[in-house]
Amino acid sequence: MKIIINSNVSYKLPLKILFESLLKSDIKNMSDVIVVLAESDNNAAPRLTQIKSLVELESTVEVVVIESTRRNYDYCGFDVLYKYYGHSLIDSNEYLYLHDTTTVDVDFYSKISKFENLQEDVIVFPPSPNSNIIIFQKNIVTKYKDNFSVDLNKYQAVCLEASQEGVNVNDKWSFNVSKFGVTQSVQTRNLMGNLDIYNTGHSRAILHYDDFGVNKYILYNRDGDLKGKLSDNGI
């Protein structure tokens, strides 16, 4: 199983904290981690890169990095998976989809390994809202194709997660990933409290996905704290 980390070129602190948790976990091979850097200056194909060249962390461990100029919040990882489908550095039967604003438990790899060898077209899908933190079989990529090849604002991205009807952006319809496979339900995520994990002065809700061993940190109704430009978004 490969782990997709949907990130942004400017979100180095969350990525560092996620890497720290991954390095403390039971993951067997960090080269199974694929970091997607949205809003990059250029598009760049998958390559192996040392962690220390990505964040302020003295680690020579290598992960796969893909750069994309696209700006579509949670969905850039889906987009590049289709663009580079079959590439030797990212090919896998299953993918766990994460974001940089997550951490993992020490036993997370043991937990997600239970979902290996999925049948074709299966998506392991926590009840919505789930922040698109899912596990899916590789055929899903060939089903959604260029569905996520679109730039989105924050409101459109959240609507796409929540809507079963899809979102129309510049006359192109994009649909929730669940439309492209057979969903397999797992437990809902649980609120564990609040924490200013990124030292921005603003606490985020901690949501735990027990089946995956993952924590997601959400700033409700606002965004921009990580870029120092906090604003209300009404969602």
C-alpha atoms as a PDB file:
ATOM      1  CA  MET A   1       0.000   0.000   0.000  1.00  0.00           C
ATOM      2  CA  LYS A   2       1.215   3.492  -0.863  1.00  0.00           C
ATOM      3  CA  ILE A   3       0.428   6.519   1.303  1.00  0.00           C
ATOM      4  CA  ILE A   4      -0.530   9.684  -0.574  1.00  0.00           C
ATOM      5  CA  ILE A   5       0.093  12.918   1.352  1.00  0.00           C
ATOM      6  CA  ASN A   6      -1.801  15.757  -0.257  1.00  0.00           C
ATOM      7  CA  SER A   7       0.215  18.853   0.641  1.00  0.00           C
ATOM      8  CA  ASN A   8       1.062  22.371  -0.445  1.00  0.00           C
ATOM      9  CA  VAL A   9       4.468  23.808  -1.258  1.00  0.00           C
ATOM     10  CA  SER A  10       4.093  26.373   1.564  1.00  0.00           C
ATOM     11  CA  TYR A  11       2.888  23.964   4.291  1.00  0.00           C
ATOM     12  CA  LYS A  12       6.285  22.857   5.576  1.00  0.00           C
ATOM     13  CA  LEU A  13       5.441  22.827   9.297  1.00  0.00           C
ATOM     14  CA  PRO A  14       2.455  20.441   9.065  1.00  0.00           C
ATOM     15  CA  LEU A  15       4.464  18.207   6.747  1.00  0.00           C
ATOM     16  CA  LYS A  16       7.360  18.140   9.210  1.00  0.00           C
ATOM     17  CA  ILE A  17       5.065  17.134  12.083  1.00  0.00           C
ATOM     18  CA  LEU A  18       3.490  14.405   9.950  1.00  0.00           C
ATOM     19  CA  PHE A  19       6.937  13.091   8.954  1.00  0.00           C
ATOM     20  CA  GLU A  20       7.959  12.966  12.613  1.00  0.00           C
ATOM     21  CA  SER A  21       4.970  10.772  13.405  1.00  0.00           C
ATOM     22  CA  LEU A  22       5.588   8.543  10.382  1.00  0.00           C
ATOM     23  CA  LEU A  23       9.222   7.996  11.381  1.00  0.00           C
ATOM     24  CA  LYS A  24       8.062   6.910  14.851  1.00  0.00           C
ATOM     25  CA  SER A  25       5.438   4.551  13.436  1.00  0.00           C
ATOM     26  CA  ASP A  26       5.600   0.936  12.301  1.00  0.00           C
ATOM     27  CA  ILE A  27       5.748   1.790   8.596  1.00  0.00           C
ATOM     28  CA  LYS A  28       8.137  -0.587   6.860  1.00  0.00           C
ATOM     29  CA  ASN A  29       9.285   1.465   3.894  1.00  0.00           C
ATOM     30  CA  MET A  30       9.151   5.258   3.764  1.00  0.00           C
ATOM     31  CA  SER A  31       9.552   5.139  -0.012  1.00  0.00           C
ATOM     32  CA  ASP A  32       5.910   4.027   0.011  1.00  0.00           C
ATOM     33  CA  VAL A  33       5.068   7.605   1.065  1.00  0.00           C
ATOM     34  CA  ILE A  34       4.162   9.912  -1.852  1.00  0.00           C
ATOM     35  CA  VAL A  35       4.140  13.645  -1.094  1.00  0.00           C
ATOM     36  CA  VAL A  36       2.164  15.796  -3.537  1.00  0.00           C
ATOM     37  CA  LEU A  37       3.147  19.475  -3.425  1.00  0.00           C
ATOM     38  CA  ALA A  38       0.334  21.606  -4.835  1.00  0.00           C
ATOM     39  CA  GLU A  39       0.847  25.201  -5.981  1.00  0.00           C
ATOM     40  CA  SER A  40       4.440  24.461  -6.972  1.00  0.00           C
ATOM     41  CA  ASP A  41       6.172  26.679  -9.530  1.00  0.00           C
ATOM     42  CA  ASN A  42       6.388  23.788 -11.990  1.00  0.00           C
ATOM     43  CA  ASN A  43       4.977  20.333 -12.607  1.00  0.00           C
ATOM     44  CA  ALA A  44       7.486  17.566 -11.864  1.00  0.00           C
ATOM     45  CA  ALA A  45       7.181  13.792 -12.221  1.00  0.00           C
ATOM     46  CA  PRO A  46       7.633  11.409  -9.266  1.00  0.00           C
ATOM     47  CA  ARG A  47      11.157  11.283  -7.845  1.00  0.00           C
ATOM     48  CA  LEU A  48      12.829  10.071  -4.657  1.00  0.00           C
ATOM     49  CA  THR A  49      13.841  12.903  -2.329  1.00  0.00           C
ATOM     50  CA  GLN A  50      15.376  13.029   1.126  1.00  0.00           C
ATOM     51  CA  ILE A  51      13.086  14.330   3.846  1.00  0.00           C
ATOM     52  CA  LYS A  52      15.644  16.918   4.932  1.00  0.00           C
ATOM     53  CA  SER A  53      15.338  18.640   1.551  1.00  0.00           C
ATOM     54  CA  LEU A  54      11.596  19.114   2.085  1.00  0.00           C
ATOM     55  CA  VAL A  55      11.341  20.216   5.717  1.00  0.00           C
ATOM     56  CA  GLU A  56      13.560  21.212   8.641  1.00  0.00           C
ATOM     57  CA  LEU A  57      14.204  17.671   9.783  1.00  0.00           C
ATOM     58  CA  GLU A  58      17.625  16.019   9.692  1.00  0.00           C
ATOM     59  CA  SER A  59      16.595  12.810   7.975  1.00  0.00           C
ATOM     60  CA  THR A  60      18.182  11.232   4.921  1.00  0.00           C
ATOM     61  CA  VAL A  61      15.224   8.873   4.575  1.00  0.00           C
ATOM     62  CA  GLU A  62      13.730   9.134   1.100  1.00  0.00           C
ATOM     63  CA  VAL A  63      10.109   9.609   0.104  1.00  0.00           C
ATOM     64  CA  VAL A  64       8.530  10.087  -3.313  1.00  0.00           C
ATOM     65  CA  VAL A  65       7.722  13.691  -4.267  1.00  0.00           C
ATOM     66  CA  ILE A  66       5.456  14.972  -7.049  1.00  0.00           C
ATOM     67  CA  GLU A  67       5.131  18.690  -7.795  1.00  0.00           C
ATOM     68  CA  SER A  68       1.994  20.215  -9.287  1.00  0.00           C
ATOM     69  CA  THR A  69       1.019  23.776 -10.162  1.00  0.00           C
ATOM     70  CA  ARG A  70      -2.630  22.962  -9.527  1.00  0.00           C
ATOM     71  CA  ARG A  71      -4.599  24.638  -6.718  1.00  0.00           C
ATOM     72  CA  ASN A  72      -7.510  22.490  -5.646  1.00  0.00           C
ATOM     73  CA  TYR A  73      -7.063  21.928  -1.909  1.00  0.00           C
ATOM     74  CA  ASP A  74      -7.776  18.296  -0.958  1.00  0.00           C
ATOM     75  CA  TYR A  75      -7.767  16.941  -4.502  1.00  0.00           C
ATOM     76  CA  CYS A  76      -4.324  17.503  -6.018  1.00  0.00           C
ATOM     77  CA  GLY A  77      -3.188  14.036  -4.945  1.00  0.00           C
ATOM     78  CA  PHE A  78      -6.053  12.426  -6.843  1.00  0.00           C
ATOM     79  CA  ASP A  79      -5.179  14.499  -9.895  1.00  0.00           C
ATOM     80  CA  VAL A  80      -1.489  13.515 -10.038  1.00  0.00           C
ATOM     81  CA  LEU A  81      -2.271   9.850  -9.392  1.00  0.00           C
ATOM     82  CA  TYR A  82      -4.183   9.864 -12.659  1.00  0.00           C
ATOM     83  CA  LYS A  83      -1.558  11.947 -14.463  1.00  0.00           C
ATOM     84  CA  TYR A  84       1.266   9.569 -13.509  1.00  0.00           C
ATOM     85  CA  TYR A  85      -0.766   6.360 -13.312  1.00  0.00           C
ATOM     86  CA  GLY A  86       1.445   3.286 -13.643  1.00  0.00           C
ATOM     87  CA  HIS A  87       4.693   5.117 -12.823  1.00  0.00           C
ATOM     88  CA  SER A  88       7.024   2.672 -11.057  1.00  0.00           C
ATOM     89  CA  LEU A  89       7.511   4.908  -7.995  1.00  0.00           C
ATOM     90  CA  ILE A  90       3.803   5.254  -7.261  1.00  0.00           C
ATOM     91  CA  ASP A  91       2.231   2.042  -8.571  1.00  0.00           C
ATOM     92  CA  SER A  92       0.338   0.066  -5.927  1.00  0.00           C
ATOM     93  CA  ASN A  93      -2.796  -2.040  -5.560  1.00  0.00           C
ATOM     94  CA  GLU A  94      -4.101   0.238  -2.787  1.00  0.00           C
ATOM     95  CA  TYR A  95      -3.640   3.826  -1.701  1.00  0.00           C
ATOM     96  CA  LEU A  96      -4.251   5.534   1.635  1.00  0.00           C
ATOM     97  CA  TYR A  97      -5.126   9.179   1.009  1.00  0.00           C
ATOM     98  CA  LEU A  98      -3.944  11.634   3.670  1.00  0.00           C
ATOM     99  CA  HIS A  99      -3.282  15.348   4.102  1.00  0.00           C
ATOM    100  CA  ASP A 100      -0.318  17.179   5.572  1.00  0.00           C
ATOM    101  CA  THR A 101      -2.534  18.325   8.473  1.00  0.00           C
ATOM    102  CA  THR A 102      -2.568  14.817   9.923  1.00  0.00           C
ATOM    103  CA  THR A 103      -0.418  12.633  12.137  1.00  0.00           C
ATOM    104  CA  VAL A 104      -0.323   8.854  12.463  1.00  0.00           C
ATOM    105  CA  ASP A 105      -0.346   6.508  15.447  1.00  0.00           C
ATOM    106  CA  VAL A 106       2.663   4.306  16.173  1.00  0.00           C
ATOM    107  CA  ASP A 107       0.719   1.245  14.961  1.00  0.00           C
ATOM    108  CA  PHE A 108      -0.955   2.909  11.985  1.00  0.00           C
ATOM    109  CA  TYR A 109       0.707   0.719   9.354  1.00  0.00           C
ATOM    110  CA  SER A 110      -0.520  -2.445  11.064  1.00  0.00           C
ATOM    111  CA  LYS A 111      -4.011  -0.968  10.974  1.00  0.00           C
ATOM    112  CA  ILE A 112      -4.030   0.035   7.304  1.00  0.00           C
ATOM    113  CA  SER A 113      -2.379  -3.239   6.267  1.00  0.00           C
ATOM    114  CA  LYS A 114      -5.645  -4.978   7.145  1.00  0.00           C
ATOM    115  CA  PHE A 115      -7.079  -3.329   4.031  1.00  0.00           C
ATOM    116  CA  GLU A 116      -4.502  -4.725   1.614  1.00  0.00           C
ATOM    117  CA  ASN A 117      -5.599  -6.970  -1.254  1.00  0.00           C
ATOM    118  CA  LEU A 118      -8.844  -5.091  -1.759  1.00  0.00           C
ATOM    119  CA  GLN A 119     -11.134  -6.326  -4.477  1.00  0.00           C
ATOM    120  CA  GLU A 120     -11.363  -4.240  -7.626  1.00  0.00           C
ATOM    121  CA  ASP A 121     -13.163  -0.897  -7.384  1.00  0.00           C
ATOM    122  CA  VAL A 122     -13.445  -0.894  -3.569  1.00  0.00           C
ATOM    123  CA  ILE A 123     -13.160   2.347  -1.575  1.00  0.00           C
ATOM    124  CA  VAL A 124     -12.816   2.053   2.204  1.00  0.00           C
ATOM    125  CA  PHE A 125     -14.911   5.055   3.133  1.00  0.00           C
ATOM    126  CA  PRO A 126     -15.518   6.450   6.632  1.00  0.00           C
ATOM    127  CA  PRO A 127     -18.920   8.130   7.020  1.00  0.00           C
ATOM    128  CA  SER A 128     -19.053  11.663   5.627  1.00  0.00           C
ATOM    129  CA  PRO A 129     -17.629  14.124   6.479  1.00  0.00           C
ATOM    130  CA  ASN A 130     -14.323  12.309   6.260  1.00  0.00           C
ATOM    131  CA  SER A 131     -11.915  14.903   4.760  1.00  0.00           C
ATOM    132  CA  ASN A 132     -11.313  12.440   1.909  1.00  0.00           C
ATOM    133  CA  ILE A 133      -9.181  10.280   4.219  1.00  0.00           C
ATOM    134  CA  ILE A 134      -9.884   6.966   2.545  1.00  0.00           C
ATOM    135  CA  ILE A 135      -8.254   3.808   1.210  1.00  0.00           C
ATOM    136  CA  PHE A 136      -9.004   2.809  -2.366  1.00  0.00           C
ATOM    137  CA  GLN A 137      -8.080   0.129  -4.867  1.00  0.00           C
ATOM    138  CA  LYS A 138      -5.983   1.290  -7.840  1.00  0.00           C
ATOM    139  CA  ASN A 139      -8.742   0.773 -10.441  1.00  0.00           C
ATOM    140  CA  ILE A 140     -10.561   3.744  -8.900  1.00  0.00           C
ATOM    141  CA  VAL A 141      -7.942   6.001 -10.506  1.00  0.00           C
ATOM    142  CA  THR A 142      -8.822   4.702 -13.978  1.00  0.00           C
ATOM    143  CA  LYS A 143     -12.491   5.291 -13.198  1.00  0.00           C
ATOM    144  CA  TYR A 144     -12.287   8.905 -12.069  1.00  0.00           C
ATOM    145  CA  LYS A 145      -9.698   9.875 -14.731  1.00  0.00           C
ATOM    146  CA  ASP A 146      -9.557  13.688 -14.991  1.00  0.00           C
ATOM    147  CA  ASN A 147     -12.439  14.251 -12.563  1.00  0.00           C
ATOM    148  CA  PHE A 148     -10.090  16.139 -10.202  1.00  0.00           C
ATOM    149  CA  SER A 149      -8.137  17.985 -12.908  1.00  0.00           C
ATOM    150  CA  VAL A 150      -9.688  21.312 -11.993  1.00  0.00           C
ATOM    151  CA  ASP A 151      -8.733  24.286  -9.817  1.00  0.00           C
ATOM    152  CA  LEU A 152     -11.040  24.844  -6.833  1.00  0.00           C
ATOM    153  CA  ASN A 153     -11.487  27.423  -4.106  1.00  0.00           C
ATOM    154  CA  LYS A 154     -11.988  26.304  -0.499  1.00  0.00           C
ATOM    155  CA  TYR A 155     -15.782  26.515  -0.670  1.00  0.00           C
ATOM    156  CA  GLN A 156     -15.925  24.433  -3.866  1.00  0.00           C
ATOM    157  CA  ALA A 157     -13.550  21.856  -2.378  1.00  0.00           C
ATOM    158  CA  VAL A 158     -15.711  21.418   0.726  1.00  0.00           C
ATOM    159  CA  CYS A 159     -18.864  21.196  -1.400  1.00  0.00           C
ATOM    160  CA  LEU A 160     -17.235  18.475  -3.489  1.00  0.00           C
ATOM    161  CA  GLU A 161     -16.514  16.450  -0.355  1.00  0.00           C
ATOM    162  CA  ALA A 162     -20.060  16.842   0.949  1.00  0.00           C
ATOM    163  CA  SER A 163     -22.076  16.627  -2.264  1.00  0.00           C
ATOM    164  CA  GLN A 164     -23.234  13.505  -4.022  1.00  0.00           C
ATOM    165  CA  GLU A 165     -24.475  15.634  -6.914  1.00  0.00           C
ATOM    166  CA  GLY A 166     -21.088  17.032  -7.872  1.00  0.00           C
ATOM    167  CA  VAL A 167     -19.702  20.534  -8.323  1.00  0.00           C
ATOM    168  CA  ASN A 168     -19.711  22.514 -11.559  1.00  0.00           C
ATOM    169  CA  VAL A 169     -16.606  24.647 -12.063  1.00  0.00           C
ATOM    170  CA  ASN A 170     -16.270  26.570 -15.341  1.00  0.00           C
ATOM    171  CA  ASP A 171     -18.675  24.166 -17.077  1.00  0.00           C
ATOM    172  CA  LYS A 172     -16.769  21.087 -15.880  1.00  0.00           C
ATOM    173  CA  TRP A 173     -18.479  18.738 -13.443  1.00  0.00           C
ATOM    174  CA  SER A 174     -16.448  17.074 -10.701  1.00  0.00           C
ATOM    175  CA  PHE A 175     -17.873  14.373  -8.450  1.00  0.00           C
ATOM    176  CA  ASN A 176     -17.144  12.934  -5.025  1.00  0.00           C
ATOM    177  CA  VAL A 177     -14.676  10.033  -5.261  1.00  0.00           C
ATOM    178  CA  SER A 178     -17.300   7.654  -3.839  1.00  0.00           C
ATOM    179  CA  LYS A 179     -19.130   7.864  -7.173  1.00  0.00           C
ATOM    180  CA  PHE A 180     -16.370   5.845  -8.846  1.00  0.00           C
ATOM    181  CA  GLY A 181     -16.354   2.676  -6.771  1.00  0.00           C
ATOM    182  CA  VAL A 182     -18.045   0.383  -4.279  1.00  0.00           C
ATOM    183  CA  THR A 183     -17.770   1.799  -0.782  1.00  0.00           C
ATOM    184  CA  GLN A 184     -16.827  -0.330   2.216  1.00  0.00           C
ATOM    185  CA  SER A 185     -17.839   1.333   5.461  1.00  0.00           C
ATOM    186  CA  VAL A 186     -15.649   1.702   8.536  1.00  0.00           C
ATOM    187  CA  GLN A 187     -16.110   3.570  11.823  1.00  0.00           C
ATOM    188  CA  THR A 188     -16.818   7.277  11.875  1.00  0.00           C
ATOM    189  CA  ARG A 189     -14.029   9.564  13.028  1.00  0.00           C
ATOM    190  CA  ASN A 190     -14.121  10.684  16.665  1.00  0.00           C
ATOM    191  CA  LEU A 191     -13.532  14.140  18.140  1.00  0.00           C
ATOM    192  CA  MET A 192     -10.680  13.854  20.640  1.00  0.00           C
ATOM    193  CA  GLY A 193     -10.367  17.485  21.711  1.00  0.00           C
ATOM    194  CA  ASN A 194      -8.625  20.610  20.466  1.00  0.00           C
ATOM    195  CA  LEU A 195      -4.958  21.514  20.041  1.00  0.00           C
ATOM    196  CA  ASP A 196      -2.911  24.381  18.621  1.00  0.00           C
ATOM    197  CA  ILE A 197      -0.583  21.833  17.034  1.00  0.00           C
ATOM    198  CA  TYR A 198       0.988  24.312  14.599  1.00  0.00           C
ATOM    199  CA  ASN A 199       1.513  27.140  17.143  1.00  0.00           C
ATOM    200  CA  THR A 200      -0.527  29.638  15.141  1.00  0.00           C
ATOM    201  CA  GLY A 201      -2.532  30.856  18.132  1.00  0.00           C
ATOM    202  CA  HIS A 202      -5.589  28.999  16.834  1.00  0.00           C
ATOM    203  CA  SER A 203      -6.648  25.576  18.083  1.00  0.00           C
ATOM    204  CA  ARG A 204      -7.732  22.873  15.683  1.00  0.00           C
ATOM    205  CA  ALA A 205     -10.157  20.035  16.333  1.00  0.00           C
ATOM    206  CA  ILE A 206      -8.473  16.625  16.643  1.00  0.00           C
ATOM    207  CA  LEU A 207     -10.416  13.948  14.761  1.00  0.00           C
ATOM    208  CA  HIS A 208      -9.241  10.354  15.119  1.00  0.00           C
ATOM    209  CA  TYR A 209      -9.772   7.620  12.509  1.00  0.00           C
ATOM    210  CA  ASP A 210      -9.349   4.507  14.624  1.00  0.00           C
ATOM    211  CA  ASP A 211      -9.489   2.037  11.716  1.00  0.00           C
ATOM    212  CA  PHE A 212      -6.569   3.821  10.029  1.00  0.00           C
ATOM    213  CA  GLY A 213      -4.615   5.041  13.056  1.00  0.00           C
ATOM    214  CA  VAL A 214      -4.753   8.620  11.792  1.00  0.00           C
ATOM    215  CA  ASN A 215      -5.424  11.999  13.421  1.00  0.00           C
ATOM    216  CA  LYS A 216      -6.748  14.908  11.340  1.00  0.00           C
ATOM    217  CA  TYR A 217      -6.489  18.514  12.577  1.00  0.00           C
ATOM    218  CA  ILE A 218      -9.248  20.853  11.370  1.00  0.00           C
ATOM    219  CA  LEU A 219      -9.730  24.596  11.784  1.00  0.00           C
ATOM    220  CA  TYR A 220     -13.502  24.928  11.488  1.00  0.00           C
ATOM    221  CA  ASN A 221     -15.105  27.969   9.820  1.00  0.00           C
ATOM    222  CA  ARG A 222     -11.742  29.606   9.127  1.00  0.00           C
ATOM    223  CA  ASP A 223      -8.650  29.067   7.040  1.00  0.00           C
ATOM    224  CA  GLY A 224      -5.327  30.700   6.274  1.00  0.00           C
ATOM    225  CA  ASP A 225      -3.769  30.326   9.743  1.00  0.00           C
ATOM    226  CA  LEU A 226      -0.805  28.408   8.332  1.00  0.00           C
ATOM    227  CA  LYS A 227      -0.075  31.234   5.903  1.00  0.00           C
ATOM    228  CA  GLY A 228      -0.615  33.964   8.513  1.00  0.00           C
ATOM    229  CA  LYS A 229      -3.741  35.206   6.732  1.00  0.00           C
ATOM    230  CA  LEU A 230      -6.610  33.961   8.868  1.00  0.00           C
ATOM    231  CA  SER A 231     -10.079  34.578   7.463  1.00  0.00           C
ATOM    232  CA  ASP A 232     -13.613  33.350   8.034  1.00  0.00           C
ATOM    233  CA  ASN A 233     -14.886  31.039   5.311  1.00  0.00           C
ATOM    234  CA  GLY A 234     -18.326  30.191   6.677  1.00  0.00           C
ATOM    235  CA  ILE A 235     -17.755  26.428   6.347  1.00  0.00           C
END
